[in-house]
Amino acid sequence: MQPLHARSAPSRGVSFDAAEIRALRVSLADEFRVSVVYDEADMSKPDAIEAMMRKAIAEFGAVDLLVNNAGIQHVAPVDEFPVAKWEAILSHAHA
């Protein structure tokens, strides 16, 4: 049997719809008999990250594995790419 992340996560996709997120959490929890937590923390805000980590530690006792897959994107020709967008993308990568 493959681990949860190998079998499930890539095929489940990404959603910002609260109902879809809740349904996915329930489905994963039921299928794998695990606790599933979602947090919409803004990775550009250190206070939000700290709150998310406190929530994870409260729920699970510790964080054994952390995957940072947060990202932002802006698409434009290089000569039209706003400097502010470039700086936001780079600063977000360090969140």
C-alpha atoms as a PDB file:
ATOM      1  CA  MET A   1       0.000   0.000   0.000  1.00  0.00           C
ATOM      2  CA  GLN A   2       1.294   3.476  -0.884  1.00  0.00           C
ATOM      3  CA  PRO A   3       1.447   6.205   1.757  1.00  0.00           C
ATOM      4  CA  LEU A   4      -1.452   8.645   1.943  1.00  0.00           C
ATOM      5  CA  HIS A   5       0.490  11.445   0.286  1.00  0.00           C
ATOM      6  CA  ALA A   6       1.487   9.270  -2.673  1.00  0.00           C
ATOM      7  CA  ARG A   7      -1.974   7.855  -3.281  1.00  0.00           C
ATOM      8  CA  SER A   8      -4.260  10.667  -2.425  1.00  0.00           C
ATOM      9  CA  ALA A   9      -2.934  14.200  -2.235  1.00  0.00           C
ATOM     10  CA  PRO A  10      -1.815  14.728  -5.855  1.00  0.00           C
ATOM     11  CA  SER A  11      -5.090  13.407  -7.229  1.00  0.00           C
ATOM     12  CA  ARG A  12      -7.243  15.559  -4.951  1.00  0.00           C
ATOM     13  CA  GLY A  13      -6.218  18.935  -6.357  1.00  0.00           C
ATOM     14  CA  VAL A  14      -6.475  22.375  -4.821  1.00  0.00           C
ATOM     15  CA  SER A  15      -9.584  24.272  -3.881  1.00  0.00           C
ATOM     16  CA  PHE A  16     -10.504  27.488  -2.147  1.00  0.00           C
ATOM     17  CA  ASP A  17     -14.162  26.497  -1.814  1.00  0.00           C
ATOM     18  CA  ALA A  18     -15.043  25.930   1.859  1.00  0.00           C
ATOM     19  CA  ALA A  19     -17.563  23.173   1.089  1.00  0.00           C
ATOM     20  CA  GLU A  20     -15.090  21.295  -1.128  1.00  0.00           C
ATOM     21  CA  ILE A  21     -12.358  21.605   1.498  1.00  0.00           C
ATOM     22  CA  ARG A  22     -14.665  20.311   4.212  1.00  0.00           C
ATOM     23  CA  ALA A  23     -15.793  17.390   2.034  1.00  0.00           C
ATOM     24  CA  LEU A  24     -12.180  16.488   1.268  1.00  0.00           C
ATOM     25  CA  ARG A  25     -11.212  16.664   4.951  1.00  0.00           C
ATOM     26  CA  VAL A  26     -14.095  14.378   5.909  1.00  0.00           C
ATOM     27  CA  SER A  27     -13.335  11.980   3.056  1.00  0.00           C
ATOM     28  CA  LEU A  28      -9.638  11.704   3.954  1.00  0.00           C
ATOM     29  CA  ALA A  29     -10.381  11.334   7.660  1.00  0.00           C
ATOM     30  CA  ASP A  30     -12.913   8.576   6.999  1.00  0.00           C
ATOM     31  CA  GLU A  31     -10.846   6.743   4.386  1.00  0.00           C
ATOM     32  CA  PHE A  32      -7.579   6.755   6.319  1.00  0.00           C
ATOM     33  CA  ARG A  33      -8.934   7.019   9.883  1.00  0.00           C
ATOM     34  CA  VAL A  34      -6.805  10.072  10.609  1.00  0.00           C
ATOM     35  CA  SER A  35      -7.356  13.587  11.860  1.00  0.00           C
ATOM     36  CA  VAL A  36      -7.330  16.089   8.988  1.00  0.00           C
ATOM     37  CA  VAL A  37      -6.910  19.802   9.643  1.00  0.00           C
ATOM     38  CA  TYR A  38      -7.090  22.685   7.177  1.00  0.00           C
ATOM     39  CA  ASP A  39      -5.859  26.200   7.839  1.00  0.00           C
ATOM     40  CA  GLU A  40      -6.106  29.068   5.399  1.00  0.00           C
ATOM     41  CA  ALA A  41      -3.169  30.953   6.924  1.00  0.00           C
ATOM     42  CA  ASP A  42      -1.666  33.640   4.706  1.00  0.00           C
ATOM     43  CA  MET A  43       1.974  32.615   4.343  1.00  0.00           C
ATOM     44  CA  SER A  44       2.984  36.237   3.842  1.00  0.00           C
ATOM     45  CA  LYS A  45       1.902  37.033   7.417  1.00  0.00           C
ATOM     46  CA  PRO A  46       4.188  35.717  10.190  1.00  0.00           C
ATOM     47  CA  ASP A  47       1.416  35.992  12.811  1.00  0.00           C
ATOM     48  CA  ALA A  48      -0.840  33.781  10.675  1.00  0.00           C
ATOM     49  CA  ILE A  49       1.941  31.212  10.304  1.00  0.00           C
ATOM     50  CA  GLU A  50       2.534  31.155  14.053  1.00  0.00           C
ATOM     51  CA  ALA A  51      -1.187  30.704  14.710  1.00  0.00           C
ATOM     52  CA  MET A  52      -1.331  27.862  12.172  1.00  0.00           C
ATOM     53  CA  MET A  53       1.589  26.104  13.848  1.00  0.00           C
ATOM     54  CA  ARG A  54       0.014  26.513  17.294  1.00  0.00           C
ATOM     55  CA  LYS A  55      -3.185  25.002  15.897  1.00  0.00           C
ATOM     56  CA  ALA A  56      -1.267  22.046  14.405  1.00  0.00           C
ATOM     57  CA  ILE A  57       0.636  21.393  17.628  1.00  0.00           C
ATOM     58  CA  ALA A  58      -2.572  21.626  19.667  1.00  0.00           C
ATOM     59  CA  GLU A  59      -4.253  19.113  17.346  1.00  0.00           C
ATOM     60  CA  PHE A  60      -1.382  16.673  16.800  1.00  0.00           C
ATOM     61  CA  GLY A  61       1.030  17.294  19.680  1.00  0.00           C
ATOM     62  CA  ALA A  62       3.962  17.907  17.323  1.00  0.00           C
ATOM     63  CA  VAL A  63       4.765  18.528  13.681  1.00  0.00           C
ATOM     64  CA  ASP A  64       6.702  15.588  12.230  1.00  0.00           C
ATOM     65  CA  LEU A  65       6.696  16.744   8.614  1.00  0.00           C
ATOM     66  CA  LEU A  66       6.019  20.170   7.147  1.00  0.00           C
ATOM     67  CA  VAL A  67       5.582  20.714   3.418  1.00  0.00           C
ATOM     68  CA  ASN A  68       5.563  24.316   2.264  1.00  0.00           C
ATOM     69  CA  ASN A  69       3.710  24.337  -1.018  1.00  0.00           C
ATOM     70  CA  ALA A  70       2.429  27.887  -0.768  1.00  0.00           C
ATOM     71  CA  GLY A  71       3.004  30.060  -3.770  1.00  0.00           C
ATOM     72  CA  ILE A  72       1.789  33.015  -5.759  1.00  0.00           C
ATOM     73  CA  GLN A  73       2.104  33.746  -9.437  1.00  0.00           C
ATOM     74  CA  HIS A  74       1.767  36.589 -11.893  1.00  0.00           C
ATOM     75  CA  VAL A  75       1.977  36.076 -15.638  1.00  0.00           C
ATOM     76  CA  ALA A  76       3.172  38.836 -17.966  1.00  0.00           C
ATOM     77  CA  PRO A  77       5.799  39.380 -20.637  1.00  0.00           C
ATOM     78  CA  VAL A  78       9.155  40.111 -19.023  1.00  0.00           C
ATOM     79  CA  ASP A  79       9.161  43.709 -20.245  1.00  0.00           C
ATOM     80  CA  GLU A  80       5.721  44.271 -18.680  1.00  0.00           C
ATOM     81  CA  PHE A  81       6.284  42.364 -15.441  1.00  0.00           C
ATOM     82  CA  PRO A  82       5.717  44.793 -12.538  1.00  0.00           C
ATOM     83  CA  VAL A  83       8.626  45.058 -10.111  1.00  0.00           C
ATOM     84  CA  ALA A  84       6.184  44.970  -7.171  1.00  0.00           C
ATOM     85  CA  LYS A  85       4.809  41.607  -8.372  1.00  0.00           C
ATOM     86  CA  TRP A  86       8.342  40.212  -8.748  1.00  0.00           C
ATOM     87  CA  GLU A  87       9.225  41.342  -5.220  1.00  0.00           C
ATOM     88  CA  ALA A  88       6.000  39.825  -3.847  1.00  0.00           C
ATOM     89  CA  ILE A  89       6.760  36.477  -5.486  1.00  0.00           C
ATOM     90  CA  LEU A  90      10.302  36.418  -4.128  1.00  0.00           C
ATOM     91  CA  SER A  91       9.303  37.505  -0.636  1.00  0.00           C
ATOM     92  CA  HIS A  92       6.532  34.911  -0.606  1.00  0.00           C
ATOM     93  CA  ALA A  93       9.085  32.199  -1.348  1.00  0.00           C
ATOM     94  CA  HIS A  94      10.820  33.034   1.929  1.00  0.00           C
ATOM     95  CA  ALA A  95       7.630  32.924   4.011  1.00  0.00           C
END
